[in-house]
């Protein structure tokens, strides 16, 4: 489709005698399909310059080829899905449940946090910690001195 337009365009340009490259691009864009024109104009990578008609021609041909390939794929995909037997289920297969084993405990014990807190340089965070004193017995939940909850 773009190839036919391009051949006709180049013949008309040759007969008209246009020599300005930017004018060629403007004229080419005016007759190009709007969808292809928009895709070329909004390309984020390797967008052709407004004074490079050859790059515009190649970009239009490339986009047209991608569109035709996509249409062919969609028609094949649509026809393949319509030929499936009517008894085929459209629901996905059921999910299986996997049970994970529990996470083993750490092979080491954690050092008490009380000794490291007292050696830190006071900051805003630390001043609020000092306002509420840490219990000497350790954990709030179980009383263990190896951790705090």
Protein backbone atom coordinates (compact mmCIF):
# COMPACT_ATOMS: atom_id res chain seq x y z
CA UNK A 1 0.00 0.00 0.00
CA UNK A 2 2.78 2.46 0.96
CA UNK A 3 4.93 1.12 -1.87
CA UNK A 4 2.27 2.09 -4.42
CA UNK A 5 1.91 5.54 -2.88
CA UNK A 6 5.69 5.98 -2.82
CA UNK A 7 6.07 5.00 -6.48
CA UNK A 8 3.31 7.41 -7.52
CA UNK A 9 4.71 10.15 -5.29
CA UNK A 10 8.23 9.84 -6.69
CA UNK A 11 6.89 9.95 -10.27
CA UNK A 12 4.87 13.10 -9.49
CA UNK A 13 7.83 14.75 -7.74
CA UNK A 14 10.04 13.99 -10.71
CA UNK A 15 7.51 15.55 -13.10
CA UNK A 16 6.94 18.57 -10.84
CA UNK A 17 10.64 19.22 -10.46
CA UNK A 18 10.68 19.67 -6.67
CA UNK A 19 14.26 19.94 -5.44
CA UNK A 20 13.93 21.26 -1.88
CA UNK A 21 14.24 18.30 0.52
CA UNK A 22 12.02 19.79 3.19
CA UNK A 23 9.28 20.44 0.62
CA UNK A 24 9.53 16.81 -0.50
CA UNK A 25 9.01 15.63 3.09
CA UNK A 26 6.04 17.97 3.58
CA UNK A 27 4.40 16.80 0.35
CA UNK A 28 5.10 13.15 1.18
CA UNK A 29 3.58 13.52 4.64
CA UNK A 30 0.46 15.19 3.27
CA UNK A 31 -0.47 12.17 1.16
CA UNK A 32 0.70 9.51 3.60
CA UNK A 33 -1.85 7.55 5.64
CA UNK A 34 -2.52 9.44 8.85
CA UNK A 35 -1.69 6.49 11.12
CA UNK A 36 1.70 5.88 9.50
CA UNK A 37 2.42 9.61 9.39
CA UNK A 38 1.70 9.92 13.12
CA UNK A 39 3.86 6.93 13.98
CA UNK A 40 6.83 8.37 12.10
CA UNK A 41 6.34 11.85 13.51
CA UNK A 42 6.21 10.55 17.10
CA UNK A 43 9.06 8.03 16.87
CA UNK A 44 11.25 8.33 19.95
CA UNK A 45 14.21 6.60 18.33
CA UNK A 46 15.67 7.26 14.87
CA UNK A 47 13.00 9.71 13.86
CA UNK A 48 13.77 10.92 10.33
CA UNK A 49 14.73 14.55 9.90
CA UNK A 50 12.29 16.91 8.21
CA UNK A 51 14.78 17.44 5.38
CA UNK A 52 15.56 13.74 4.72
CA UNK A 53 12.89 12.31 2.38
CA UNK A 54 14.73 9.01 1.90
CA UNK A 55 14.56 8.30 5.64
CA UNK A 56 10.85 9.17 5.60
CA UNK A 57 10.30 6.78 2.69
CA UNK A 58 12.11 3.94 4.49
CA UNK A 59 10.33 4.62 7.78
CA UNK A 60 6.93 4.59 6.05
CA UNK A 61 7.77 1.31 4.30
CA UNK A 62 9.01 -0.24 7.56
CA UNK A 63 5.90 0.79 9.53
CA UNK A 64 3.62 -0.37 6.74
CA UNK A 65 5.38 -3.76 6.68
CA UNK A 66 4.98 -4.11 10.46
CA UNK A 67 1.26 -3.24 10.18
CA UNK A 68 0.72 -5.78 7.39
CA UNK A 69 2.59 -8.47 9.34
CA UNK A 70 0.54 -7.71 12.44
CA UNK A 71 -2.73 -7.91 10.49
CA UNK A 72 -1.70 -11.25 9.01
CA UNK A 73 -0.81 -12.56 12.46
CA UNK A 74 -4.10 -11.38 13.92
CA UNK A 75 -6.12 -12.96 11.12
CA UNK A 76 -4.23 -16.26 11.53
CA UNK A 77 -4.63 -16.10 15.30
CA UNK A 78 -8.34 -15.30 15.00
CA UNK A 79 -8.96 -18.08 12.48
CA UNK A 80 -7.01 -20.58 14.59
CA UNK A 81 -9.01 -19.74 17.70
CA UNK A 82 -12.30 -20.02 15.82
CA UNK A 83 -11.40 -23.53 14.63
CA UNK A 84 -10.97 -24.90 18.16
CA UNK A 85 -13.48 -27.62 19.05
CA UNK A 86 -16.53 -26.36 20.91
CA UNK A 87 -15.81 -28.75 23.81
CA UNK A 88 -12.48 -27.09 24.58
CA UNK A 89 -12.53 -25.31 27.90
CA UNK A 90 -11.70 -21.64 27.93
CA UNK A 91 -10.98 -21.67 31.65
CA UNK A 92 -7.38 -21.84 32.82
CA UNK A 93 -6.24 -25.02 34.56
CA UNK A 94 -6.69 -25.05 38.34
CA UNK A 95 -3.82 -23.77 40.44
CA UNK A 96 -2.03 -26.21 42.70
CA UNK A 97 -1.26 -25.25 46.27
CA UNK A 98 2.35 -25.48 47.31
CA UNK A 99 3.15 -25.77 51.00
CA UNK A 100 6.42 -24.20 52.06
CA UNK A 101 8.48 -25.61 54.89
CA UNK A 102 8.88 -23.31 57.91
CA UNK A 103 11.93 -21.07 57.96
CA UNK A 104 14.62 -22.50 60.28
CA UNK A 105 15.82 -20.30 63.17
CA UNK A 106 19.06 -18.33 62.92
CA UNK A 107 22.10 -20.50 63.76
CA UNK A 108 23.46 -17.73 66.00
CA UNK A 109 22.17 -15.45 68.72
CA UNK A 110 21.90 -11.72 68.33
CA UNK A 111 23.93 -9.45 70.61
CA UNK A 112 21.97 -7.28 73.01
CA UNK A 113 21.08 -3.89 71.57
CA UNK A 114 21.46 -2.04 74.89
CA UNK A 115 25.25 -1.86 74.73
CA UNK A 116 25.30 -0.47 71.18
CA UNK A 117 22.64 2.17 71.87
CA UNK A 118 24.59 3.79 74.68
CA UNK A 119 27.71 4.30 72.48
CA UNK A 120 25.91 6.12 69.64
CA UNK A 121 26.12 9.87 69.09
CA UNK A 122 22.82 11.44 70.14
CA UNK A 123 20.59 12.59 67.29
CA UNK A 124 16.94 13.54 67.05
CA UNK A 125 16.00 9.88 66.76
CA UNK A 126 18.09 8.98 69.79
CA UNK A 127 16.64 11.77 71.95
CA UNK A 128 13.17 10.32 71.49
CA UNK A 129 14.54 6.92 72.42
CA UNK A 130 16.02 8.32 75.61
CA UNK A 131 12.69 9.88 76.50
CA UNK A 132 11.19 6.43 76.71
CA UNK A 133 13.76 4.33 78.50
CA UNK A 134 14.36 0.79 77.38
CA UNK A 135 13.44 -1.89 79.89
CA UNK A 136 16.41 -3.57 81.54
CA UNK A 137 14.78 -6.99 81.29
CA UNK A 138 15.00 -7.00 77.44
CA UNK A 139 12.10 -8.06 75.22
CA UNK A 140 8.67 -6.61 75.93
CA UNK A 141 7.01 -9.89 74.97
CA UNK A 142 9.14 -12.64 76.53
CA UNK A 143 11.74 -10.85 78.68
CA UNK A 144 14.70 -12.32 76.74
CA UNK A 145 17.72 -9.97 76.77
CA UNK A 146 18.92 -11.10 73.31
CA UNK A 147 16.26 -9.11 71.45
CA UNK A 148 13.58 -6.42 71.78
CA UNK A 149 10.14 -6.55 70.25
